[in-house]
């Protein structure tokens, strides 16, 4: 019985490299696009004038009214507890207080 031999001229080449399809852009393209989008956003942010916002005076007035209401309520609460209003800071200048909303059961 004759032995099996390769075909005349040999076998064809064996494909050993991965043949992956091209998907998407190069990373450099994504980086460039992200830089352009972020640059445009920063440009818009810097270009926008805060005072040009049409409702900013209304919102500032609302914040001021709330600040005065809280300040007067705080003074009334101090007068009720202490009997007189004592200055917290060693100055006659108004120091804008900071209010932090905290749960009532944690501040005892």
PDB file of N, CA and C in Angstrom:
ATOM      1  N   UNK A   1       0.851  -1.157   0.000  1.00  0.00           N
ATOM      2  CA  UNK A   1       0.000   0.000   0.000  1.00  0.00           C
ATOM      3  C   UNK A   1       0.902   1.227   0.000  1.00  0.00           C
ATOM      4  N   UNK A   2       0.655   2.161  -0.947  1.00  0.00           N
ATOM      5  CA  UNK A   2       1.529   3.339  -1.044  1.00  0.00           C
ATOM      6  C   UNK A   2       1.195   4.348   0.074  1.00  0.00           C
ATOM      7  N   UNK A   3       2.206   5.059   0.527  1.00  0.00           N
ATOM      8  CA  UNK A   3       2.033   6.056   1.585  1.00  0.00           C
ATOM      9  C   UNK A   3       1.439   7.323   1.000  1.00  0.00           C
ATOM     10  N   UNK A   4       0.566   7.983   1.816  1.00  0.00           N
ATOM     11  CA  UNK A   4      -0.020   9.263   1.365  1.00  0.00           C
ATOM     12  C   UNK A   4       1.065  10.315   1.352  1.00  0.00           C
ATOM     13  N   UNK A   5       1.122  11.042   0.281  1.00  0.00           N
ATOM     14  CA  UNK A   5       2.131  12.077   0.119  1.00  0.00           C
ATOM     15  C   UNK A   5       1.441  13.413  -0.114  1.00  0.00           C
ATOM     16  N   UNK A   6       2.136  14.543   0.152  1.00  0.00           N
ATOM     17  CA  UNK A   6       1.523  15.837  -0.126  1.00  0.00           C
ATOM     18  C   UNK A   6       1.301  15.994  -1.626  1.00  0.00           C
ATOM     19  N   UNK A   7       0.354  16.884  -1.966  1.00  0.00           N
ATOM     20  CA  UNK A   7       0.126  17.082  -3.383  1.00  0.00           C
ATOM     21  C   UNK A   7       1.366  17.672  -4.049  1.00  0.00           C
ATOM     22  N   UNK A   8       1.403  17.547  -5.323  1.00  0.00           N
ATOM     23  CA  UNK A   8       2.528  18.078  -6.078  1.00  0.00           C
ATOM     24  C   UNK A   8       2.509  19.599  -5.938  1.00  0.00           C
ATOM     25  N   UNK A   9       3.572  20.206  -5.574  1.00  0.00           N
ATOM     26  CA  UNK A   9       3.652  21.659  -5.376  1.00  0.00           C
ATOM     27  C   UNK A   9       3.411  22.043  -3.927  1.00  0.00           C
ATOM     28  N   UNK A  10       3.026  21.137  -3.062  1.00  0.00           N
ATOM     29  CA  UNK A  10       2.837  21.390  -1.640  1.00  0.00           C
ATOM     30  C   UNK A  10       1.434  21.893  -1.301  1.00  0.00           C
ATOM     31  N   UNK A  11       1.198  21.996  -0.006  1.00  0.00           N
ATOM     32  CA  UNK A  11      -0.078  22.515   0.464  1.00  0.00           C
ATOM     33  C   UNK A  11      -0.091  24.036   0.362  1.00  0.00           C
ATOM     34  N   UNK A  12      -1.290  24.606   0.409  1.00  0.00           N
ATOM     35  CA  UNK A  12      -1.416  26.063   0.395  1.00  0.00           C
ATOM     36  C   UNK A  12      -0.966  26.663   1.733  1.00  0.00           C
ATOM     37  N   UNK A  13      -0.765  27.974   1.765  1.00  0.00           N
ATOM     38  CA  UNK A  13      -0.317  28.596   3.016  1.00  0.00           C
ATOM     39  C   UNK A  13      -1.398  28.501   4.098  1.00  0.00           C
ATOM     40  N   UNK A  14      -0.947  28.370   5.339  1.00  0.00           N
ATOM     41  CA  UNK A  14      -1.862  28.285   6.475  1.00  0.00           C
ATOM     42  C   UNK A  14      -2.083  29.693   7.010  1.00  0.00           C
ATOM     43  N   UNK A  15      -3.356  30.064   7.196  1.00  0.00           N
ATOM     44  CA  UNK A  15      -3.672  31.396   7.716  1.00  0.00           C
ATOM     45  C   UNK A  15      -3.574  31.343   9.240  1.00  0.00           C
ATOM     46  N   UNK A  16      -2.591  32.010   9.770  1.00  0.00           N
ATOM     47  CA  UNK A  16      -2.399  32.014  11.215  1.00  0.00           C
ATOM     48  C   UNK A  16      -2.629  33.390  11.826  1.00  0.00           C
ATOM     49  N   UNK A  17      -2.755  34.438  11.015  1.00  0.00           N
ATOM     50  CA  UNK A  17      -3.032  35.772  11.538  1.00  0.00           C
ATOM     51  C   UNK A  17      -4.539  35.936  11.718  1.00  0.00           C
ATOM     52  N   UNK A  18      -4.911  36.760  12.723  1.00  0.00           N
ATOM     53  CA  UNK A  18      -6.334  37.024  12.943  1.00  0.00           C
ATOM     54  C   UNK A  18      -6.816  38.003  11.894  1.00  0.00           C
ATOM     55  N   UNK A  19      -7.967  37.732  11.370  1.00  0.00           N
ATOM     56  CA  UNK A  19      -8.548  38.594  10.347  1.00  0.00           C
ATOM     57  C   UNK A  19      -9.749  39.300  10.962  1.00  0.00           C
ATOM     58  N   UNK A  20      -9.474  40.355  11.745  1.00  0.00           N
ATOM     59  CA  UNK A  20     -10.553  41.078  12.419  1.00  0.00           C
ATOM     60  C   UNK A  20     -11.032  42.205  11.519  1.00  0.00           C
ATOM     61  N   UNK A  21     -12.331  42.400  11.453  1.00  0.00           N
ATOM     62  CA  UNK A  21     -12.834  43.500  10.633  1.00  0.00           C
ATOM     63  C   UNK A  21     -12.527  44.846  11.299  1.00  0.00           C
ATOM     64  N   UNK A  22     -12.398  45.882  10.515  1.00  0.00           N
ATOM     65  CA  UNK A  22     -12.121  47.234  11.000  1.00  0.00           C
ATOM     66  C   UNK A  22     -13.394  47.782  11.634  1.00  0.00           C
ATOM     67  N   UNK A  23     -13.309  48.196  12.905  1.00  0.00           N
ATOM     68  CA  UNK A  23     -14.488  48.720  13.599  1.00  0.00           C
ATOM     69  C   UNK A  23     -14.147  50.069  14.209  1.00  0.00           C
ATOM     70  N   UNK A  24     -14.803  51.097  13.767  1.00  0.00           N
ATOM     71  CA  UNK A  24     -14.632  52.413  14.360  1.00  0.00           C
ATOM     72  C   UNK A  24     -13.413  53.156  13.851  1.00  0.00           C
ATOM     73  N   UNK A  25     -13.199  54.304  14.461  1.00  0.00           N
ATOM     74  CA  UNK A  25     -12.092  55.167  14.082  1.00  0.00           C
ATOM     75  C   UNK A  25     -10.855  54.831  14.901  1.00  0.00           C
ATOM     76  N   UNK A  26      -9.760  55.419  14.522  1.00  0.00           N
ATOM     77  CA  UNK A  26      -8.538  55.262  15.289  1.00  0.00           C
ATOM     78  C   UNK A  26      -8.680  56.018  16.611  1.00  0.00           C
ATOM     79  N   UNK A  27      -7.984  55.604  17.647  1.00  0.00           N
ATOM     80  CA  UNK A  27      -8.072  56.309  18.937  1.00  0.00           C
ATOM     81  C   UNK A  27      -7.689  57.778  18.823  1.00  0.00           C
ATOM     82  N   UNK A  28      -6.779  58.109  17.932  1.00  0.00           N
ATOM     83  CA  UNK A  28      -6.372  59.493  17.742  1.00  0.00           C
ATOM     84  C   UNK A  28      -7.565  60.345  17.289  1.00  0.00           C
ATOM     85  N   UNK A  29      -8.434  59.765  16.463  1.00  0.00           N
ATOM     86  CA  UNK A  29      -9.608  60.498  15.980  1.00  0.00           C
ATOM     87  C   UNK A  29     -10.584  60.767  17.122  1.00  0.00           C
ATOM     88  N   UNK A  30     -10.796  59.765  17.980  1.00  0.00           N
ATOM     89  CA  UNK A  30     -11.686  59.962  19.127  1.00  0.00           C
ATOM     90  C   UNK A  30     -11.118  61.018  20.079  1.00  0.00           C
ATOM     91  N   UNK A  31      -9.817  60.990  20.294  1.00  0.00           N
ATOM     92  CA  UNK A  31      -9.189  61.972  21.169  1.00  0.00           C
ATOM     93  C   UNK A  31      -9.321  63.380  20.603  1.00  0.00           C
ATOM     94  N   UNK A  32      -9.139  63.519  19.304  1.00  0.00           N
ATOM     95  CA  UNK A  32      -9.293  64.822  18.661  1.00  0.00           C
ATOM     96  C   UNK A  32     -10.734  65.310  18.757  1.00  0.00           C
ATOM     97  N   UNK A  33     -11.698  64.430  18.516  1.00  0.00           N
ATOM     98  CA  UNK A  33     -13.111  64.821  18.601  1.00  0.00           C
ATOM     99  C   UNK A  33     -13.473  65.228  20.025  1.00  0.00           C
ATOM    100  N   UNK A  34     -12.998  64.491  21.018  1.00  0.00           N
ATOM    101  CA  UNK A  34     -13.282  64.831  22.408  1.00  0.00           C
ATOM    102  C   UNK A  34     -12.663  66.180  22.773  1.00  0.00           C
ATOM    103  N   UNK A  35     -11.452  66.441  22.295  1.00  0.00           N
ATOM    104  CA  UNK A  35     -10.797  67.716  22.572  1.00  0.00           C
ATOM    105  C   UNK A  35     -11.561  68.872  21.945  1.00  0.00           C
ATOM    106  N   UNK A  36     -12.051  68.684  20.721  1.00  0.00           N
ATOM    107  CA  UNK A  36     -12.812  69.743  20.058  1.00  0.00           C
ATOM    108  C   UNK A  36     -14.121  70.013  20.803  1.00  0.00           C
ATOM    109  N   UNK A  37     -14.837  68.966  21.192  1.00  0.00           N
ATOM    110  CA  UNK A  37     -16.114  69.144  21.897  1.00  0.00           C
ATOM    111  C   UNK A  37     -15.895  69.817  23.249  1.00  0.00           C
ATOM    112  N   UNK A  38     -14.889  69.367  24.001  1.00  0.00           N
ATOM    113  CA  UNK A  38     -14.628  69.980  25.300  1.00  0.00           C
ATOM    114  C   UNK A  38     -14.137  71.418  25.154  1.00  0.00           C
ATOM    115  N   UNK A  39     -13.321  71.671  24.147  1.00  0.00           N
ATOM    116  CA  UNK A  39     -12.856  73.037  23.908  1.00  0.00           C
ATOM    117  C   UNK A  39     -14.002  73.973  23.587  1.00  0.00           C
ATOM    118  N   UNK A  40     -14.952  73.494  22.781  1.00  0.00           N
ATOM    119  CA  UNK A  40     -16.117  74.316  22.456  1.00  0.00           C
ATOM    120  C   UNK A  40     -16.950  74.577  23.712  1.00  0.00           C
ATOM    121  N   UNK A  41     -17.103  73.567  24.556  1.00  0.00           N
ATOM    122  CA  UNK A  41     -17.849  73.751  25.801  1.00  0.00           C
ATOM    123  C   UNK A  41     -17.190  74.759  26.724  1.00  0.00           C
ATOM    124  N   UNK A  42     -15.859  74.679  26.865  1.00  0.00           N
ATOM    125  CA  UNK A  42     -15.151  75.657  27.692  1.00  0.00           C
ATOM    126  C   UNK A  42     -15.251  77.054  27.090  1.00  0.00           C
ATOM    127  N   UNK A  43     -15.193  77.144  25.775  1.00  0.00           N
ATOM    128  CA  UNK A  43     -15.325  78.441  25.111  1.00  0.00           C
ATOM    129  C   UNK A  43     -16.694  79.049  25.409  1.00  0.00           C
ATOM    130  N   UNK A  44     -17.745  78.239  25.325  1.00  0.00           N
ATOM    131  CA  UNK A  44     -19.083  78.736  25.623  1.00  0.00           C
ATOM    132  C   UNK A  44     -19.202  79.157  27.082  1.00  0.00           C
ATOM    133  N   UNK A  45     -18.558  78.400  27.973  1.00  0.00           N
ATOM    134  CA  UNK A  45     -18.625  78.716  29.394  1.00  0.00           C
ATOM    135  C   UNK A  45     -17.918  80.028  29.707  1.00  0.00           C
ATOM    136  N   UNK A  46     -16.763  80.245  29.103  1.00  0.00           N
ATOM    137  CA  UNK A  46     -16.010  81.473  29.345  1.00  0.00           C
ATOM    138  C   UNK A  46     -16.683  82.660  28.664  1.00  0.00           C
ATOM    139  N   UNK A  47     -17.234  82.415  27.489  1.00  0.00           N
ATOM    140  CA  UNK A  47     -17.862  83.492  26.739  1.00  0.00           C
ATOM    141  C   UNK A  47     -19.136  84.002  27.415  1.00  0.00           C
ATOM    142  N   UNK A  48     -19.863  83.098  28.068  1.00  0.00           N
ATOM    143  CA  UNK A  48     -21.139  83.480  28.679  1.00  0.00           C
ATOM    144  C   UNK A  48     -20.888  84.374  29.875  1.00  0.00           C
ATOM    145  N   UNK A  49     -21.532  85.505  29.903  1.00  0.00           N
ATOM    146  CA  UNK A  49     -21.414  86.434  31.020  1.00  0.00           C
ATOM    147  C   UNK A  49     -22.497  86.090  32.025  1.00  0.00           C
ATOM    148  N   UNK A  50     -22.111  85.931  33.293  1.00  0.00           N
ATOM    149  CA  UNK A  50     -23.069  85.527  34.310  1.00  0.00           C
ATOM    150  C   UNK A  50     -24.157  86.590  34.469  1.00  0.00           C
ATOM    151  N   UNK A  51     -23.797  87.851  34.370  1.00  0.00           N
ATOM    152  CA  UNK A  51     -24.789  88.917  34.504  1.00  0.00           C
ATOM    153  C   UNK A  51     -25.742  88.995  33.328  1.00  0.00           C
ATOM    154  N   UNK A  52     -25.378  88.400  32.211  1.00  0.00           N
ATOM    155  CA  UNK A  52     -26.246  88.425  31.050  1.00  0.00           C
ATOM    156  C   UNK A  52     -27.365  87.397  31.142  1.00  0.00           C
ATOM    157  N   UNK A  53     -27.286  86.504  32.122  1.00  0.00           N
ATOM    158  CA  UNK A  53     -28.344  85.525  32.305  1.00  0.00           C
ATOM    159  C   UNK A  53     -29.624  86.286  32.648  1.00  0.00           C
ATOM    160  N   UNK A  54     -30.701  86.112  31.902  1.00  0.00           N
ATOM    161  CA  UNK A  54     -31.856  87.009  32.044  1.00  0.00           C
ATOM    162  C   UNK A  54     -32.553  86.939  33.394  1.00  0.00           C
ATOM    163  N   UNK A  55     -32.498  85.824  34.071  1.00  0.00           N
ATOM    164  CA  UNK A  55     -33.220  85.703  35.329  1.00  0.00           C
ATOM    165  C   UNK A  55     -32.323  85.861  36.547  1.00  0.00           C
ATOM    166  N   UNK A  56     -31.066  86.211  36.357  1.00  0.00           N
ATOM    167  CA  UNK A  56     -30.163  86.283  37.495  1.00  0.00           C
ATOM    168  C   UNK A  56     -30.562  87.363  38.511  1.00  0.00           C
ATOM    169  N   UNK A  57     -31.048  88.550  38.119  1.00  0.00           N
ATOM    170  CA  UNK A  57     -31.475  89.500  39.150  1.00  0.00           C
ATOM    171  C   UNK A  57     -32.658  88.982  39.965  1.00  0.00           C
ATOM    172  N   UNK A  58     -33.577  88.297  39.301  1.00  0.00           N
ATOM    173  CA  UNK A  58     -34.729  87.740  40.008  1.00  0.00           C
ATOM    174  C   UNK A  58     -34.284  86.663  40.996  1.00  0.00           C
ATOM    175  N   UNK A  59     -33.385  85.798  40.569  1.00  0.00           N
ATOM    176  CA  UNK A  59     -32.908  84.746  41.451  1.00  0.00           C
ATOM    177  C   UNK A  59     -32.083  85.305  42.600  1.00  0.00           C
ATOM    178  N   UNK A  60     -31.291  86.348  42.328  1.00  0.00           N
ATOM    179  CA  UNK A  60     -30.509  86.972  43.390  1.00  0.00           C
ATOM    180  C   UNK A  60     -31.420  87.638  44.412  1.00  0.00           C
ATOM    181  N   UNK A  61     -32.477  88.316  43.954  1.00  0.00           N
ATOM    182  CA  UNK A  61     -33.422  88.949  44.870  1.00  0.00           C
ATOM    183  C   UNK A  61     -34.132  87.897  45.725  1.00  0.00           C
ATOM    184  N   UNK A  62     -34.487  86.773  45.120  1.00  0.00           N
ATOM    185  CA  UNK A  62     -35.131  85.698  45.879  1.00  0.00           C
ATOM    186  C   UNK A  62     -34.187  85.134  46.935  1.00  0.00           C
ATOM    187  N   UNK A  63     -32.928  84.988  46.582  1.00  0.00           N
ATOM    188  CA  UNK A  63     -31.947  84.497  47.547  1.00  0.00           C
ATOM    189  C   UNK A  63     -31.747  85.508  48.673  1.00  0.00           C
ATOM    190  N   UNK A  64     -31.725  86.798  48.344  1.00  0.00           N
ATOM    191  CA  UNK A  64     -31.568  87.825  49.372  1.00  0.00           C
ATOM    192  C   UNK A  64     -32.758  87.838  50.328  1.00  0.00           C
ATOM    193  N   UNK A  65     -33.978  87.707  49.779  1.00  0.00           N
ATOM    194  CA  UNK A  65     -35.162  87.677  50.647  1.00  0.00           C
ATOM    195  C   UNK A  65     -35.123  86.475  51.582  1.00  0.00           C
ATOM    196  N   UNK A  66     -34.708  85.339  51.075  1.00  0.00           N
ATOM    197  CA  UNK A  66     -34.617  84.148  51.905  1.00  0.00           C
ATOM    198  C   UNK A  66     -33.547  84.328  52.974  1.00  0.00           C
ATOM    199  N   UNK A  67     -32.444  84.974  52.600  1.00  0.00           N
ATOM    200  CA  UNK A  67     -31.356  85.211  53.553  1.00  0.00           C
ATOM    201  C   UNK A  67     -31.828  86.131  54.685  1.00  0.00           C
ATOM    202  N   UNK A  68     -32.570  87.187  54.351  1.00  0.00           N
ATOM    203  CA  UNK A  68     -33.083  88.112  55.378  1.00  0.00           C
ATOM    204  C   UNK A  68     -34.078  87.396  56.275  1.00  0.00           C
ATOM    205  N   UNK A  69     -34.952  86.584  55.684  1.00  0.00           N
ATOM    206  CA  UNK A  69     -35.940  85.849  56.481  1.00  0.00           C
ATOM    207  C   UNK A  69     -35.245  84.912  57.466  1.00  0.00           C
ATOM    208  N   UNK A  70     -34.215  84.206  56.998  1.00  0.00           N
ATOM    209  CA  UNK A  70     -33.492  83.299  57.881  1.00  0.00           C
ATOM    210  C   UNK A  70     -32.737  84.061  58.978  1.00  0.00           C
ATOM    211  N   UNK A  71     -32.160  85.197  58.598  1.00  0.00           N
ATOM    212  CA  UNK A  71     -31.408  85.990  59.573  1.00  0.00           C
ATOM    213  C   UNK A  71     -32.331  86.521  60.672  1.00  0.00           C
ATOM    214  N   UNK A  72     -33.491  87.041  60.290  1.00  0.00           N
ATOM    215  CA  UNK A  72     -34.430  87.557  61.293  1.00  0.00           C
ATOM    216  C   UNK A  72     -34.982  86.433  62.168  1.00  0.00           C
ATOM    217  N   UNK A  73     -35.248  85.268  61.575  1.00  0.00           N
ATOM    218  CA  UNK A  73     -35.719  84.135  62.369  1.00  0.00           C
ATOM    219  C   UNK A  73     -34.642  83.673  63.341  1.00  0.00           C
ATOM    220  N   UNK A  74     -33.391  83.711  62.894  1.00  0.00           N
ATOM    221  CA  UNK A  74     -32.285  83.318  63.769  1.00  0.00           C
ATOM    222  C   UNK A  74     -32.133  84.302  64.923  1.00  0.00           C
ATOM    223  N   UNK A  75     -32.275  85.593  64.648  1.00  0.00           N
ATOM    224  CA  UNK A  75     -32.195  86.589  65.722  1.00  0.00           C
ATOM    225  C   UNK A  75     -33.339  86.424  66.712  1.00  0.00           C
ATOM    226  N   UNK A  76     -34.531  86.147  66.210  1.00  0.00           N
ATOM    227  CA  UNK A  76     -35.668  85.937  67.113  1.00  0.00           C
ATOM    228  C   UNK A  76     -35.453  84.694  67.974  1.00  0.00           C
ATOM    229  N   UNK A  77     -34.907  83.646  67.409  1.00  0.00           N
ATOM    230  CA  UNK A  77     -34.633  82.420  68.162  1.00  0.00           C
ATOM    231  C   UNK A  77     -33.560  82.675  69.226  1.00  0.00           C
ATOM    232  N   UNK A  78     -32.527  83.446  68.868  1.00  0.00           N
ATOM    233  CA  UNK A  78     -31.489  83.780  69.852  1.00  0.00           C
ATOM    234  C   UNK A  78     -32.062  84.625  70.985  1.00  0.00           C
ATOM    235  N   UNK A  79     -32.918  85.592  70.643  1.00  0.00           N
ATOM    236  CA  UNK A  79     -33.506  86.459  71.672  1.00  0.00           C
ATOM    237  C   UNK A  79     -34.378  85.640  72.620  1.00  0.00           C
ATOM    238  N   UNK A  80     -35.086  84.648  72.060  1.00  0.00           N
ATOM    239  CA  UNK A  80     -35.936  83.792  72.883  1.00  0.00           C
ATOM    240  C   UNK A  80     -35.098  82.910  73.809  1.00  0.00           C
ATOM    241  N   UNK A  81     -33.975  82.403  73.308  1.00  0.00           N
ATOM    242  CA  UNK A  81     -33.153  81.508  74.117  1.00  0.00           C
ATOM    243  C   UNK A  81     -32.223  82.257  75.070  1.00  0.00           C
ATOM    244  N   UNK A  82     -31.572  83.309  74.576  1.00  0.00           N
ATOM    245  CA  UNK A  82     -30.554  83.990  75.364  1.00  0.00           C
ATOM    246  C   UNK A  82     -31.055  85.260  76.039  1.00  0.00           C
ATOM    247  N   UNK A  83     -32.125  85.810  75.569  1.00  0.00           N
ATOM    248  CA  UNK A  83     -32.636  87.024  76.154  1.00  0.00           C
ATOM    249  C   UNK A  83     -32.109  88.281  75.499  1.00  0.00           C
ATOM    250  N   UNK A  84     -31.003  88.204  74.807  1.00  0.00           N
ATOM    251  CA  UNK A  84     -30.456  89.349  74.088  1.00  0.00           C
ATOM    252  C   UNK A  84     -29.647  88.836  72.895  1.00  0.00           C
ATOM    253  N   UNK A  85     -29.423  89.714  71.924  1.00  0.00           N
ATOM    254  CA  UNK A  85     -28.645  89.338  70.749  1.00  0.00           C
ATOM    255  C   UNK A  85     -27.185  89.686  70.989  1.00  0.00           C
ATOM    256  N   UNK A  86     -26.343  88.681  71.062  1.00  0.00           N
ATOM    257  CA  UNK A  86     -24.920  88.894  71.252  1.00  0.00           C
ATOM    258  C   UNK A  86     -24.227  88.752  69.905  1.00  0.00           C
ATOM    259  N   UNK A  87     -23.270  89.638  69.604  1.00  0.00           N
ATOM    260  CA  UNK A  87     -22.555  89.488  68.332  1.00  0.00           C
ATOM    261  C   UNK A  87     -21.665  88.247  68.374  1.00  0.00           C
ATOM    262  N   UNK A  88     -21.724  87.467  67.326  1.00  0.00           N
ATOM    263  CA  UNK A  88     -20.940  86.236  67.259  1.00  0.00           C
ATOM    264  C   UNK A  88     -19.495  86.555  66.918  1.00  0.00           C
ATOM    265  N   UNK A  89     -19.297  87.526  66.037  1.00  0.00           N
ATOM    266  CA  UNK A  89     -17.957  87.901  65.606  1.00  0.00           C
ATOM    267  C   UNK A  89     -17.570  89.206  66.291  1.00  0.00           C
ATOM    268  N   UNK A  90     -16.305  89.482  66.386  1.00  0.00           N
ATOM    269  CA  UNK A  90     -15.824  90.702  67.015  1.00  0.00           C
ATOM    270  C   UNK A  90     -15.755  91.833  65.994  1.00  0.00           C
ATOM    271  N   UNK A  91     -16.854  92.090  65.335  1.00  0.00           N
ATOM    272  CA  UNK A  91     -16.926  93.156  64.348  1.00  0.00           C
ATOM    273  C   UNK A  91     -18.372  93.618  64.226  1.00  0.00           C
ATOM    274  N   UNK A  92     -18.522  94.858  63.802  1.00  0.00           N
ATOM    275  CA  UNK A  92     -19.863  95.380  63.575  1.00  0.00           C
ATOM    276  C   UNK A  92     -20.307  95.175  62.130  1.00  0.00           C
ATOM    277  N   UNK A  93     -19.389  94.738  61.321  1.00  0.00           N
ATOM    278  CA  UNK A  93     -19.694  94.498  59.909  1.00  0.00           C
ATOM    279  C   UNK A  93     -20.548  93.237  59.770  1.00  0.00           C
ATOM    280  N   UNK A  94     -21.470  93.246  58.816  1.00  0.00           N
ATOM    281  CA  UNK A  94     -22.330  92.089  58.608  1.00  0.00           C
ATOM    282  C   UNK A  94     -21.525  90.961  57.979  1.00  0.00           C
ATOM    283  N   UNK A  95     -21.575  89.806  58.580  1.00  0.00           N
ATOM    284  CA  UNK A  95     -20.917  88.615  58.057  1.00  0.00           C
ATOM    285  C   UNK A  95     -22.017  87.675  57.594  1.00  0.00           C
ATOM    286  N   UNK A  96     -22.016  87.371  56.327  1.00  0.00           N
ATOM    287  CA  UNK A  96     -23.078  86.536  55.775  1.00  0.00           C
ATOM    288  C   UNK A  96     -23.002  85.136  56.383  1.00  0.00           C
ATOM    289  N   UNK A  97     -24.043  84.698  57.075  1.00  0.00           N
ATOM    290  CA  UNK A  97     -24.006  83.372  57.690  1.00  0.00           C
ATOM    291  C   UNK A  97     -24.174  82.278  56.641  1.00  0.00           C
ATOM    292  N   UNK A  98     -23.657  81.118  56.974  1.00  0.00           N
ATOM    293  CA  UNK A  98     -23.840  79.967  56.098  1.00  0.00           C
ATOM    294  C   UNK A  98     -24.822  79.025  56.770  1.00  0.00           C
ATOM    295  N   UNK A  99     -25.759  78.555  55.994  1.00  0.00           N
ATOM    296  CA  UNK A  99     -26.771  77.629  56.519  1.00  0.00           C
ATOM    297  C   UNK A  99     -26.581  76.291  55.827  1.00  0.00           C
ATOM    298  N   UNK A 100     -26.527  75.258  56.609  1.00  0.00           N
ATOM    299  CA  UNK A 100     -26.443  73.912  56.069  1.00  0.00           C
ATOM    300  C   UNK A 100     -27.665  73.143  56.518  1.00  0.00           C
ATOM    301  N   UNK A 101     -28.368  72.538  55.577  1.00  0.00           N
ATOM    302  CA  UNK A 101     -29.535  71.747  55.923  1.00  0.00           C
ATOM    303  C   UNK A 101     -29.080  70.417  56.481  1.00  0.00           C
ATOM    304  N   UNK A 102     -29.396  70.179  57.746  1.00  0.00           N
ATOM    305  CA  UNK A 102     -29.033  68.908  58.382  1.00  0.00           C
ATOM    306  C   UNK A 102     -30.279  68.289  58.974  1.00  0.00           C
ATOM    307  N   UNK A 103     -30.335  66.983  59.054  1.00  0.00           N
ATOM    308  CA  UNK A 103     -31.494  66.332  59.682  1.00  0.00           C
ATOM    309  C   UNK A 103     -31.583  66.697  61.148  1.00  0.00           C
ATOM    310  N   UNK A 104     -32.789  66.869  61.652  1.00  0.00           N
ATOM    311  CA  UNK A 104     -32.997  67.308  63.018  1.00  0.00           C
ATOM    312  C   UNK A 104     -32.529  66.315  64.061  1.00  0.00           C
ATOM    313  N   UNK A 105     -32.631  65.022  63.794  1.00  0.00           N
ATOM    314  CA  UNK A 105     -32.286  64.046  64.811  1.00  0.00           C
ATOM    315  C   UNK A 105     -30.770  63.875  64.965  1.00  0.00           C
ATOM    316  N   UNK A 106     -29.974  64.395  64.041  1.00  0.00           N
ATOM    317  CA  UNK A 106     -28.523  64.284  64.139  1.00  0.00           C
ATOM    318  C   UNK A 106     -27.894  65.467  64.854  1.00  0.00           C
ATOM    319  N   UNK A 107     -28.612  66.569  64.984  1.00  0.00           N
ATOM    320  CA  UNK A 107     -28.040  67.788  65.580  1.00  0.00           C
ATOM    321  C   UNK A 107     -28.593  67.989  66.975  1.00  0.00           C
ATOM    322  N   UNK A 108     -28.300  67.079  67.870  1.00  0.00           N
ATOM    323  CA  UNK A 108     -28.771  67.206  69.258  1.00  0.00           C
ATOM    324  C   UNK A 108     -27.613  67.396  70.181  1.00  0.00           C
TER     325      UNK A 108
END
